[in-house]
PDB file of N, CA and C in Angstrom:
ATOM      1  N   MET A   1      99.322 -38.380 278.466  1.00  0.00           N
ATOM      2  CA  MET A   1      99.891 -39.724 278.332  1.00  0.00           C
ATOM      3  C   MET A   1     101.024 -39.876 279.348  1.00  0.00           C
ATOM      4  N   PRO A   2     101.118 -40.979 280.026  1.00  0.00           N
ATOM      5  CA  PRO A   2     102.158 -41.136 281.052  1.00  0.00           C
ATOM      6  C   PRO A   2     103.553 -41.153 280.438  1.00  0.00           C
ATOM      7  N   THR A   3     104.496 -40.560 281.160  1.00  0.00           N
ATOM      8  CA  THR A   3     105.864 -40.504 280.653  1.00  0.00           C
ATOM      9  C   THR A   3     106.681 -41.709 281.087  1.00  0.00           C
ATOM     10  N   THR A   4     106.052 -42.683 281.748  1.00  0.00           N
ATOM     11  CA  THR A   4     106.805 -43.869 282.147  1.00  0.00           C
ATOM     12  C   THR A   4     106.976 -44.851 280.992  1.00  0.00           C
ATOM     13  N   ASN A   5     106.194 -44.682 279.914  1.00  0.00           N
ATOM     14  CA  ASN A   5     106.326 -45.559 278.756  1.00  0.00           C
ATOM     15  C   ASN A   5     107.549 -45.152 277.944  1.00  0.00           C
ATOM     16  N   LEU A   6     108.267 -46.145 277.471  1.00  0.00           N
ATOM     17  CA  LEU A   6     109.430 -45.854 276.642  1.00  0.00           C
ATOM     18  C   LEU A   6     108.979 -45.292 275.302  1.00  0.00           C
ATOM     19  N   ILE A   7     109.777 -44.389 274.755  1.00  0.00           N
ATOM     20  CA  ILE A   7     109.525 -43.837 273.432  1.00  0.00           C
ATOM     21  C   ILE A   7     110.705 -44.200 272.542  1.00  0.00           C
ATOM     22  N   VAL A   8     110.553 -44.026 271.240  1.00  0.00           N
ATOM     23  CA  VAL A   8     111.601 -44.439 270.307  1.00  0.00           C
ATOM     24  C   VAL A   8     111.887 -43.351 269.279  1.00  0.00           C
ATOM     25  N   HIS A   9     113.078 -43.466 268.685  1.00  0.00           N
ATOM     26  CA  HIS A   9     113.515 -42.543 267.636  1.00  0.00           C
ATOM     27  C   HIS A   9     114.384 -43.323 266.661  1.00  0.00           C
ATOM     28  N   LEU A  10     114.036 -43.281 265.390  1.00  0.00           N
ATOM     29  CA  LEU A  10     114.781 -43.983 264.354  1.00  0.00           C
ATOM     30  C   LEU A  10     115.833 -43.052 263.763  1.00  0.00           C
ATOM     31  N   THR A  11     117.062 -43.559 263.614  1.00  0.00           N
ATOM     32  CA  THR A  11     118.145 -42.726 263.112  1.00  0.00           C
ATOM     33  C   THR A  11     119.199 -43.570 262.411  1.00  0.00           C
ATOM     34  N   GLU A  12     120.174 -42.894 261.850  1.00  0.00           N
ATOM     35  CA  GLU A  12     121.295 -43.568 261.207  1.00  0.00           C
ATOM     36  C   GLU A  12     122.355 -43.892 262.253  1.00  0.00           C
ATOM     37  N   ARG A  13     122.994 -45.047 262.102  1.00  0.00           N
ATOM     38  CA  ARG A  13     123.978 -45.485 263.089  1.00  0.00           C
ATOM     39  C   ARG A  13     125.085 -44.444 263.298  1.00  0.00           C
ATOM     40  N   SER A  14     125.577 -43.820 262.245  1.00  0.00           N
ATOM     41  CA  SER A  14     126.668 -42.848 262.407  1.00  0.00           C
ATOM     42  C   SER A  14     126.238 -41.660 263.267  1.00  0.00           C
ATOM     43  N   LEU A  15     124.977 -41.234 263.163  1.00  0.00           N
ATOM     44  CA  LEU A  15     124.487 -40.132 263.994  1.00  0.00           C
ATOM     45  C   LEU A  15     124.416 -40.556 265.457  1.00  0.00           C
ATOM     46  N   TRP A  16     124.023 -41.807 265.704  1.00  0.00           N
ATOM     47  CA  TRP A  16     124.013 -42.335 267.063  1.00  0.00           C
ATOM     48  C   TRP A  16     125.434 -42.413 267.613  1.00  0.00           C
ATOM     49  N   GLU A  17     126.380 -42.884 266.799  1.00  0.00           N
ATOM     50  CA  GLU A  17     127.776 -42.987 267.253  1.00  0.00           C
ATOM     51  C   GLU A  17     128.334 -41.606 267.614  1.00  0.00           C
ATOM     52  N   GLU A  18     128.013 -40.597 266.811  1.00  0.00           N
ATOM     53  CA  GLU A  18     128.446 -39.226 267.123  1.00  0.00           C
ATOM     54  C   GLU A  18     127.841 -38.752 268.442  1.00  0.00           C
ATOM     55  N   ALA A  19     126.573 -39.070 268.651  1.00  0.00           N
ATOM     56  CA  ALA A  19     125.902 -38.676 269.896  1.00  0.00           C
ATOM     57  C   ALA A  19     126.536 -39.348 271.104  1.00  0.00           C
ATOM     58  N   ARG A  20     126.856 -40.642 270.962  1.00  0.00           N
ATOM     59  CA  ARG A  20     127.510 -41.344 272.074  1.00  0.00           C
ATOM     60  C   ARG A  20     128.818 -40.668 272.449  1.00  0.00           C
ATOM     61  N   ALA A  21     129.583 -40.257 271.462  1.00  0.00           N
ATOM     62  CA  ALA A  21     130.863 -39.597 271.729  1.00  0.00           C
ATOM     63  C   ALA A  21     130.659 -38.223 272.373  1.00  0.00           C
ATOM     64  N   ARG A  22     129.601 -37.527 271.976  1.00  0.00           N
ATOM     65  CA  ARG A  22     129.318 -36.176 272.467  1.00  0.00           C
ATOM     66  C   ARG A  22     128.601 -36.194 273.815  1.00  0.00           C
ATOM     67  N   GLY A  23     127.805 -37.256 274.047  1.00  0.00           N
ATOM     68  CA  GLY A  23     127.062 -37.349 275.305  1.00  0.00           C
ATOM     69  C   GLY A  23     125.604 -36.970 275.181  1.00  0.00           C
ATOM     70  N   THR A  24     125.200 -36.378 274.041  1.00  0.00           N
ATOM     71  CA  THR A  24     123.798 -36.028 273.818  1.00  0.00           C
ATOM     72  C   THR A  24     123.424 -36.272 272.360  1.00  0.00           C
ATOM     73  N   TYR A  25     122.160 -36.599 272.154  1.00  0.00           N
ATOM     74  CA  TYR A  25     121.625 -36.797 270.807  1.00  0.00           C
ATOM     75  C   TYR A  25     120.824 -35.559 270.442  1.00  0.00           C
ATOM     76  N   GLU A  26     121.111 -34.969 269.254  1.00  0.00           N
ATOM     77  CA  GLU A  26     120.494 -33.691 268.895  1.00  0.00           C
ATOM     78  C   GLU A  26     119.971 -33.637 267.464  1.00  0.00           C
ATOM     79  N   ILE A  27     119.559 -34.784 266.912  1.00  0.00           N
ATOM     80  CA  ILE A  27     118.951 -34.807 265.574  1.00  0.00           C
ATOM     81  C   ILE A  27     117.436 -34.888 265.747  1.00  0.00           C
ATOM     82  N   SER A  28     116.704 -33.972 265.118  1.00  0.00           N
ATOM     83  CA  SER A  28     115.257 -33.938 265.280  1.00  0.00           C
ATOM     84  C   SER A  28     114.566 -35.010 264.457  1.00  0.00           C
ATOM     85  N   THR A  29     114.907 -35.038 263.191  1.00  0.00           N
ATOM     86  CA  THR A  29     114.317 -35.982 262.256  1.00  0.00           C
ATOM     87  C   THR A  29     115.262 -36.089 261.071  1.00  0.00           C
ATOM     88  N   ARG A  30     114.995 -36.939 260.143  1.00  0.00           N
ATOM     89  CA  ARG A  30     115.908 -37.133 259.015  1.00  0.00           C
ATOM     90  C   ARG A  30     116.211 -35.806 258.322  1.00  0.00           C
ATOM     91  N   GLY A  31     117.487 -35.430 258.359  1.00  0.00           N
ATOM     92  CA  GLY A  31     117.934 -34.221 257.688  1.00  0.00           C
ATOM     93  C   GLY A  31     117.727 -32.926 258.441  1.00  0.00           C
ATOM     94  N   ARG A  32     117.239 -32.984 259.670  1.00  0.00           N
ATOM     95  CA  ARG A  32     117.009 -31.752 260.451  1.00  0.00           C
ATOM     96  C   ARG A  32     117.505 -31.926 261.885  1.00  0.00           C
ATOM     97  N   THR A  33     118.151 -30.880 262.391  1.00  0.00           N
ATOM     98  CA  THR A  33     118.686 -30.918 263.745  1.00  0.00           C
ATOM     99  C   THR A  33     117.671 -30.376 264.751  1.00  0.00           C
ATOM    100  N   LEU A  34     117.952 -30.610 266.015  1.00  0.00           N
ATOM    101  CA  LEU A  34     117.160 -30.039 267.098  1.00  0.00           C
ATOM    102  C   LEU A  34     117.107 -28.519 266.971  1.00  0.00           C
ATOM    103  N   GLN A  35     118.242 -27.894 266.659  1.00  0.00           N
ATOM    104  CA  GLN A  35     118.299 -26.442 266.551  1.00  0.00           C
ATOM    105  C   GLN A  35     117.396 -25.930 265.422  1.00  0.00           C
ATOM    106  N   GLU A  36     117.304 -26.671 264.330  1.00  0.00           N
ATOM    107  CA  GLU A  36     116.456 -26.263 263.206  1.00  0.00           C
ATOM    108  C   GLU A  36     114.973 -26.465 263.489  1.00  0.00           C
ATOM    109  N   GLU A  37     114.638 -27.546 264.172  1.00  0.00           N
ATOM    110  CA  GLU A  37     113.237 -27.935 264.368  1.00  0.00           C
ATOM    111  C   GLU A  37     112.655 -27.436 265.686  1.00  0.00           C
ATOM    112  N   GLY A  38     113.502 -27.293 266.717  1.00  0.00           N
ATOM    113  CA  GLY A  38     113.027 -26.838 268.017  1.00  0.00           C
ATOM    114  C   GLY A  38     112.727 -27.967 268.993  1.00  0.00           C
ATOM    115  N   PHE A  39     112.629 -29.185 268.499  1.00  0.00           N
ATOM    116  CA  PHE A  39     112.412 -30.364 269.337  1.00  0.00           C
ATOM    117  C   PHE A  39     112.865 -31.590 268.552  1.00  0.00           C
ATOM    118  N   ILE A  40     112.941 -32.727 269.243  1.00  0.00           N
ATOM    119  CA  ILE A  40     113.303 -33.987 268.605  1.00  0.00           C
ATOM    120  C   ILE A  40     112.037 -34.825 268.446  1.00  0.00           C
ATOM    121  N   HIS A  41     111.750 -35.201 267.208  1.00  0.00           N
ATOM    122  CA  HIS A  41     110.587 -36.038 266.907  1.00  0.00           C
ATOM    123  C   HIS A  41     110.824 -37.455 267.428  1.00  0.00           C
ATOM    124  N   CYS A  42     109.875 -37.974 268.184  1.00  0.00           N
ATOM    125  CA  CYS A  42     109.914 -39.359 268.641  1.00  0.00           C
ATOM    126  C   CYS A  42     108.552 -39.982 268.367  1.00  0.00           C
ATOM    127  N   SER A  43     108.424 -41.231 268.723  1.00  0.00           N
ATOM    128  CA  SER A  43     107.140 -41.914 268.569  1.00  0.00           C
ATOM    129  C   SER A  43     107.044 -43.022 269.599  1.00  0.00           C
ATOM    130  N   THR A  44     105.867 -43.600 269.704  1.00  0.00           N
ATOM    131  CA  THR A  44     105.709 -44.827 270.471  1.00  0.00           C
ATOM    132  C   THR A  44     106.040 -45.977 269.522  1.00  0.00           C
ATOM    133  N   ARG A  45     106.212 -47.162 270.055  1.00  0.00           N
ATOM    134  CA  ARG A  45     106.460 -48.319 269.175  1.00  0.00           C
ATOM    135  C   ARG A  45     105.287 -48.538 268.212  1.00  0.00           C
ATOM    136  N   GLU A  46     104.085 -48.298 268.697  1.00  0.00           N
ATOM    137  CA  GLU A  46     102.904 -48.502 267.864  1.00  0.00           C
ATOM    138  C   GLU A  46     102.867 -47.512 266.701  1.00  0.00           C
ATOM    139  N   GLN A  47     103.369 -46.318 266.916  1.00  0.00           N
ATOM    140  CA  GLN A  47     103.376 -45.286 265.874  1.00  0.00           C
ATOM    141  C   GLN A  47     104.524 -45.453 264.886  1.00  0.00           C
ATOM    142  N   LEU A  48     105.504 -46.265 265.213  1.00  0.00           N
ATOM    143  CA  LEU A  48     106.748 -46.321 264.445  1.00  0.00           C
ATOM    144  C   LEU A  48     106.603 -46.800 262.995  1.00  0.00           C
ATOM    145  N   PRO A  49     105.861 -47.866 262.682  1.00  0.00           N
ATOM    146  CA  PRO A  49     105.847 -48.338 261.291  1.00  0.00           C
ATOM    147  C   PRO A  49     105.500 -47.265 260.246  1.00  0.00           C
ATOM    148  N   PRO A  50     104.411 -46.492 260.413  1.00  0.00           N
ATOM    149  CA  PRO A  50     104.149 -45.466 259.396  1.00  0.00           C
ATOM    150  C   PRO A  50     105.182 -44.331 259.400  1.00  0.00           C
ATOM    151  N   VAL A  51     105.701 -43.997 260.583  1.00  0.00           N
ATOM    152  CA  VAL A  51     106.735 -42.965 260.669  1.00  0.00           C
ATOM    153  C   VAL A  51     107.993 -43.420 259.925  1.00  0.00           C
ATOM    154  N   ALA A  52     108.412 -44.654 260.157  1.00  0.00           N
ATOM    155  CA  ALA A  52     109.604 -45.191 259.493  1.00  0.00           C
ATOM    156  C   ALA A  52     109.408 -45.235 257.983  1.00  0.00           C
ATOM    157  N   ALA A  53     108.224 -45.650 257.544  1.00  0.00           N
ATOM    158  CA  ALA A  53     107.943 -45.711 256.107  1.00  0.00           C
ATOM    159  C   ALA A  53     107.987 -44.319 255.495  1.00  0.00           C
ATOM    160  N   PHE A  54     107.446 -43.329 256.200  1.00  0.00           N
ATOM    161  CA  PHE A  54     107.429 -41.956 255.699  1.00  0.00           C
ATOM    162  C   PHE A  54     108.847 -41.374 255.618  1.00  0.00           C
ATOM    163  N   LEU A  55     109.639 -41.556 256.688  1.00  0.00           N
ATOM    164  CA  LEU A  55     110.968 -40.940 256.746  1.00  0.00           C
ATOM    165  C   LEU A  55     112.051 -41.726 256.026  1.00  0.00           C
ATOM    166  N   TYR A  56     111.967 -43.044 256.089  1.00  0.00           N
ATOM    167  CA  TYR A  56     113.064 -43.865 255.580  1.00  0.00           C
ATOM    168  C   TYR A  56     112.621 -44.939 254.586  1.00  0.00           C
ATOM    169  N   GLY A  57     111.417 -44.828 254.058  1.00  0.00           N
ATOM    170  CA  GLY A  57     110.899 -45.839 253.151  1.00  0.00           C
ATOM    171  C   GLY A  57     111.792 -46.113 251.958  1.00  0.00           C
ATOM    172  N   SER A  58     112.417 -45.069 251.445  1.00  0.00           N
ATOM    173  CA  SER A  58     113.302 -45.235 250.290  1.00  0.00           C
ATOM    174  C   SER A  58     114.756 -44.980 250.689  1.00  0.00           C
ATOM    175  N   TYR A  59     115.074 -45.239 251.935  1.00  0.00           N
ATOM    176  CA  TYR A  59     116.421 -44.973 252.448  1.00  0.00           C
ATOM    177  C   TYR A  59     117.451 -45.844 251.744  1.00  0.00           C
ATOM    178  N   ASP A  60     118.468 -45.190 251.203  1.00  0.00           N
ATOM    179  CA  ASP A  60     119.570 -45.915 250.569  1.00  0.00           C
ATOM    180  C   ASP A  60     120.908 -45.323 251.010  1.00  0.00           C
ATOM    181  N   GLY A  61     120.933 -44.843 252.250  1.00  0.00           N
ATOM    182  CA  GLY A  61     122.148 -44.229 252.775  1.00  0.00           C
ATOM    183  C   GLY A  61     123.226 -45.247 253.087  1.00  0.00           C
ATOM    184  N   PRO A  62     124.397 -44.746 253.418  1.00  0.00           N
ATOM    185  CA  PRO A  62     125.526 -45.629 253.685  1.00  0.00           C
ATOM    186  C   PRO A  62     125.448 -46.357 255.025  1.00  0.00           C
ATOM    187  N   ASP A  63     124.652 -45.854 255.950  1.00  0.00           N
ATOM    188  CA  ASP A  63     124.559 -46.428 257.294  1.00  0.00           C
ATOM    189  C   ASP A  63     123.350 -47.325 257.435  1.00  0.00           C
ATOM    190  N   GLU A  64     123.463 -48.267 258.367  1.00  0.00           N
ATOM    191  CA  GLU A  64     122.260 -48.991 258.746  1.00  0.00           C
ATOM    192  C   GLU A  64     121.457 -48.095 259.680  1.00  0.00           C
ATOM    193  N   LEU A  65     120.177 -48.377 259.773  1.00  0.00           N
ATOM    194  CA  LEU A  65     119.313 -47.620 260.674  1.00  0.00           C
ATOM    195  C   LEU A  65     119.230 -48.322 262.016  1.00  0.00           C
ATOM    196  N   VAL A  66     119.136 -47.532 263.073  1.00  0.00           N
ATOM    197  CA  VAL A  66     118.987 -48.077 264.419  1.00  0.00           C
ATOM    198  C   VAL A  66     117.827 -47.367 265.112  1.00  0.00           C
ATOM    199  N   LEU A  67     117.220 -48.088 266.037  1.00  0.00           N
ATOM    200  CA  LEU A  67     116.126 -47.556 266.825  1.00  0.00           C
ATOM    201  C   LEU A  67     116.651 -47.227 268.218  1.00  0.00           C
ATOM    202  N   LEU A  68     116.571 -45.953 268.580  1.00  0.00           N
ATOM    203  CA  LEU A  68     116.962 -45.528 269.927  1.00  0.00           C
ATOM    204  C   LEU A  68     115.748 -45.682 270.835  1.00  0.00           C
ATOM    205  N   VAL A  69     115.903 -46.418 271.920  1.00  0.00           N
ATOM    206  CA  VAL A  69     114.829 -46.621 272.891  1.00  0.00           C
ATOM    207  C   VAL A  69     115.119 -45.687 274.065  1.00  0.00           C
ATOM    208  N   ILE A  70     114.181 -44.786 274.325  1.00  0.00           N
ATOM    209  CA  ILE A  70     114.401 -43.689 275.271  1.00  0.00           C
ATOM    210  C   ILE A  70     113.487 -43.838 276.479  1.00  0.00           C
ATOM    211  N   ASP A  71     114.065 -43.702 277.669  1.00  0.00           N
ATOM    212  CA  ASP A  71     113.297 -43.715 278.911  1.00  0.00           C
ATOM    213  C   ASP A  71     112.994 -42.269 279.288  1.00  0.00           C
ATOM    214  N   PRO A  72     111.731 -41.826 279.145  1.00  0.00           N
ATOM    215  CA  PRO A  72     111.395 -40.441 279.471  1.00  0.00           C
ATOM    216  C   PRO A  72     111.746 -40.030 280.896  1.00  0.00           C
ATOM    217  N   ALA A  73     111.772 -40.987 281.826  1.00  0.00           N
ATOM    218  CA  ALA A  73     112.106 -40.673 283.216  1.00  0.00           C
ATOM    219  C   ALA A  73     113.551 -40.193 283.347  1.00  0.00           C
ATOM    220  N   ARG A  74     114.390 -40.499 282.371  1.00  0.00           N
ATOM    221  CA  ARG A  74     115.795 -40.106 282.409  1.00  0.00           C
ATOM    222  C   ARG A  74     116.078 -38.805 281.645  1.00  0.00           C
ATOM    223  N   LEU A  75     115.052 -38.206 281.064  1.00  0.00           N
ATOM    224  CA  LEU A  75     115.241 -36.944 280.352  1.00  0.00           C
ATOM    225  C   LEU A  75     115.365 -35.797 281.344  1.00  0.00           C
ATOM    226  N   ASP A  76     116.187 -34.811 280.999  1.00  0.00           N
ATOM    227  CA  ASP A  76     116.294 -33.615 281.839  1.00  0.00           C
ATOM    228  C   ASP A  76     115.779 -32.389 281.087  1.00  0.00           C
ATOM    229  N   VAL A  77     114.979 -32.638 280.048  1.00  0.00           N
ATOM    230  CA  VAL A  77     114.339 -31.591 279.252  1.00  0.00           C
ATOM    231  C   VAL A  77     112.867 -31.959 279.090  1.00  0.00           C
ATOM    232  N   PRO A  78     112.007 -31.001 278.716  1.00  0.00           N
ATOM    233  CA  PRO A  78     110.579 -31.306 278.606  1.00  0.00           C
ATOM    234  C   PRO A  78     110.248 -32.320 277.505  1.00  0.00           C
ATOM    235  N   LEU A  79     109.256 -33.163 277.798  1.00  0.00           N
ATOM    236  CA  LEU A  79     108.669 -34.095 276.839  1.00  0.00           C
ATOM    237  C   LEU A  79     107.191 -33.738 276.744  1.00  0.00           C
ATOM    238  N   LYS A  80     106.729 -33.461 275.520  1.00  0.00           N
ATOM    239  CA  LYS A  80     105.323 -33.108 275.308  1.00  0.00           C
ATOM    240  C   LYS A  80     104.745 -33.996 274.218  1.00  0.00           C
ATOM    241  N   TYR A  81     103.518 -34.447 274.432  1.00  0.00           N
ATOM    242  CA  TYR A  81     102.791 -35.187 273.402  1.00  0.00           C
ATOM    243  C   TYR A  81     101.950 -34.169 272.647  1.00  0.00           C
ATOM    244  N   GLU A  82     102.240 -34.040 271.345  1.00  0.00           N
ATOM    245  CA  GLU A  82     101.590 -33.009 270.544  1.00  0.00           C
ATOM    246  C   GLU A  82     101.157 -33.574 269.196  1.00  0.00           C
ATOM    247  N   ALA A  83     100.074 -33.016 268.671  1.00  0.00           N
ATOM    248  CA  ALA A  83      99.566 -33.401 267.354  1.00  0.00           C
ATOM    249  C   ALA A  83     100.127 -32.435 266.306  1.00  0.00           C
ATOM    250  N   PRO A  84     100.463 -32.947 265.109  1.00  0.00           N
ATOM    251  CA  PRO A  84     100.971 -32.067 264.057  1.00  0.00           C
ATOM    252  C   PRO A  84      99.911 -31.080 263.558  1.00  0.00           C
ATOM    253  N   GLU A  85      98.656 -31.429 263.771  1.00  0.00           N
ATOM    254  CA  GLU A  85      97.543 -30.532 263.426  1.00  0.00           C
ATOM    255  C   GLU A  85      96.388 -30.868 264.353  1.00  0.00           C
ATOM    256  N   PRO A  86      95.453 -29.934 264.557  1.00  0.00           N
ATOM    257  CA  PRO A  86      94.342 -30.193 265.478  1.00  0.00           C
ATOM    258  C   PRO A  86      93.579 -31.466 265.111  1.00  0.00           C
ATOM    259  N   GLY A  87      93.342 -32.297 266.131  1.00  0.00           N
ATOM    260  CA  GLY A  87      92.587 -33.520 265.939  1.00  0.00           C
ATOM    261  C   GLY A  87      93.408 -34.718 265.476  1.00  0.00           C
ATOM    262  N   ALA A  88      94.673 -34.494 265.128  1.00  0.00           N
ATOM    263  CA  ALA A  88      95.535 -35.588 264.667  1.00  0.00           C
ATOM    264  C   ALA A  88      96.115 -36.339 265.869  1.00  0.00           C
ATOM    265  N   GLU A  89      96.721 -37.479 265.587  1.00  0.00           N
ATOM    266  CA  GLU A  89      97.357 -38.284 266.627  1.00  0.00           C
ATOM    267  C   GLU A  89      98.503 -37.502 267.273  1.00  0.00           C
ATOM    268  N   GLU A  90      98.663 -37.662 268.583  1.00  0.00           N
ATOM    269  CA  GLU A  90      99.737 -36.986 269.306  1.00  0.00           C
ATOM    270  C   GLU A  90     101.007 -37.831 269.307  1.00  0.00           C
ATOM    271  N   PHE A  91     102.139 -37.157 269.098  1.00  0.00           N
ATOM    272  CA  PHE A  91     103.445 -37.805 269.090  1.00  0.00           C
ATOM    273  C   PHE A  91     104.312 -37.189 270.185  1.00  0.00           C
ATOM    274  N   PRO A  92     105.234 -37.980 270.762  1.00  0.00           N
ATOM    275  CA  PRO A  92     106.140 -37.422 271.764  1.00  0.00           C
ATOM    276  C   PRO A  92     107.219 -36.558 271.106  1.00  0.00           C
ATOM    277  N   HIS A  93     107.379 -35.352 271.637  1.00  0.00           N
ATOM    278  CA  HIS A  93     108.408 -34.421 271.187  1.00  0.00           C
ATOM    279  C   HIS A  93     109.296 -34.076 272.379  1.00  0.00           C
ATOM    280  N   VAL A  94     110.611 -34.204 272.200  1.00  0.00           N
ATOM    281  CA  VAL A  94     111.574 -33.907 273.262  1.00  0.00           C
ATOM    282  C   VAL A  94     112.160 -32.525 272.984  1.00  0.00           C
ATOM    283  N   TYR A  95     111.959 -31.607 273.922  1.00  0.00           N
ATOM    284  CA  TYR A  95     112.366 -30.215 273.757  1.00  0.00           C
ATOM    285  C   TYR A  95     113.755 -29.940 274.329  1.00  0.00           C
ATOM    286  N   GLY A  96     114.735 -30.576 273.739  1.00  0.00           N
ATOM    287  CA  GLY A  96     116.127 -30.365 274.131  1.00  0.00           C
ATOM    288  C   GLY A  96     116.936 -31.593 273.769  1.00  0.00           C
ATOM    289  N   PRO A  97     118.244 -31.513 273.984  1.00  0.00           N
ATOM    290  CA  PRO A  97     119.105 -32.668 273.691  1.00  0.00           C
ATOM    291  C   PRO A  97     118.729 -33.867 274.560  1.00  0.00           C
ATOM    292  N   ILE A  98     118.814 -35.050 273.978  1.00  0.00           N
ATOM    293  CA  ILE A  98     118.544 -36.280 274.726  1.00  0.00           C
ATOM    294  C   ILE A  98     119.872 -36.790 275.279  1.00  0.00           C
ATOM    295  N   PRO A  99     120.015 -36.859 276.610  1.00  0.00           N
ATOM    296  CA  PRO A  99     121.254 -37.394 277.171  1.00  0.00           C
ATOM    297  C   PRO A  99     121.424 -38.859 276.782  1.00  0.00           C
ATOM    298  N   VAL A 100     122.634 -39.250 276.485  1.00  0.00           N
ATOM    299  CA  VAL A 100     122.907 -40.639 276.121  1.00  0.00           C
ATOM    300  C   VAL A 100     122.423 -41.580 277.230  1.00  0.00           C
ATOM    301  N   ALA A 101     122.480 -41.145 278.471  1.00  0.00           N
ATOM    302  CA  ALA A 101     122.035 -41.974 279.601  1.00  0.00           C
ATOM    303  C   ALA A 101     120.531 -42.260 279.554  1.00  0.00           C
ATOM    304  N   ALA A 102     119.757 -41.463 278.805  1.00  0.00           N
ATOM    305  CA  ALA A 102     118.315 -41.688 278.690  1.00  0.00           C
ATOM    306  C   ALA A 102     117.991 -42.734 277.625  1.00  0.00           C
ATOM    307  N   ILE A 103     118.990 -43.074 276.814  1.00  0.00           N
ATOM    308  CA  ILE A 103     118.807 -44.076 275.758  1.00  0.00           C
ATOM    309  C   ILE A 103     119.160 -45.434 276.350  1.00  0.00           C
ATOM    310  N   VAL A 104     118.132 -46.222 276.611  1.00  0.00           N
ATOM    311  CA  VAL A 104     118.310 -47.466 277.366  1.00  0.00           C
ATOM    312  C   VAL A 104     118.575 -48.672 276.472  1.00  0.00           C
ATOM    313  N   ASP A 105     118.358 -48.529 275.166  1.00  0.00           N
ATOM    314  CA  ASP A 105     118.661 -49.623 274.242  1.00  0.00           C
ATOM    315  C   ASP A 105     118.795 -49.060 272.837  1.00  0.00           C
ATOM    316  N   VAL A 106     119.557 -49.764 272.012  1.00  0.00           N
ATOM    317  CA  VAL A 106     119.715 -49.426 270.599  1.00  0.00           C
ATOM    318  C   VAL A 106     119.489 -50.717 269.832  1.00  0.00           C
ATOM    319  N   GLU A 107     118.475 -50.716 268.970  1.00  0.00           N
ATOM    320  CA  GLU A 107     118.098 -51.928 268.245  1.00  0.00           C
ATOM    321  C   GLU A 107     118.335 -51.734 266.747  1.00  0.00           C
ATOM    322  N   PRO A 108     118.787 -52.766 266.062  1.00  0.00           N
ATOM    323  CA  PRO A 108     118.886 -52.664 264.602  1.00  0.00           C
ATOM    324  C   PRO A 108     117.501 -52.522 263.998  1.00  0.00           C
ATOM    325  N   TRP A 109     117.394 -51.847 262.866  1.00  0.00           N
ATOM    326  CA  TRP A 109     116.106 -51.649 262.211  1.00  0.00           C
ATOM    327  C   TRP A 109     116.179 -52.148 260.775  1.00  0.00           C
ATOM    328  N   GLY A 110     115.134 -52.826 260.366  1.00  0.00           N
ATOM    329  CA  GLY A 110     115.014 -53.182 258.959  1.00  0.00           C
ATOM    330  C   GLY A 110     115.600 -54.494 258.562  1.00  0.00           C
TER     331      GLY A 110
END
């Protein structure tokens, strides 16, 4: 799959604010860090609705959710499209911290 297409990652606003201050985003998925998971889970816009429902369907946290829009061309770490199991749909996985400069937009979610 071409890496020129933008990819997305849904997160809590406070985690995004911390990343902006630090310069890199390092949360893999809800409740797990890059260090724990080994990569950061992302998706295409088309893949996002079921992913959001699975991860945040019953979200009642203190923060609003935001969608990080990522330009793969600005990543300085590997991006791989991988399936969670053989024959399943492939999702973009970022193998390292995402530089804040690679996040080209932040959209409110929900």
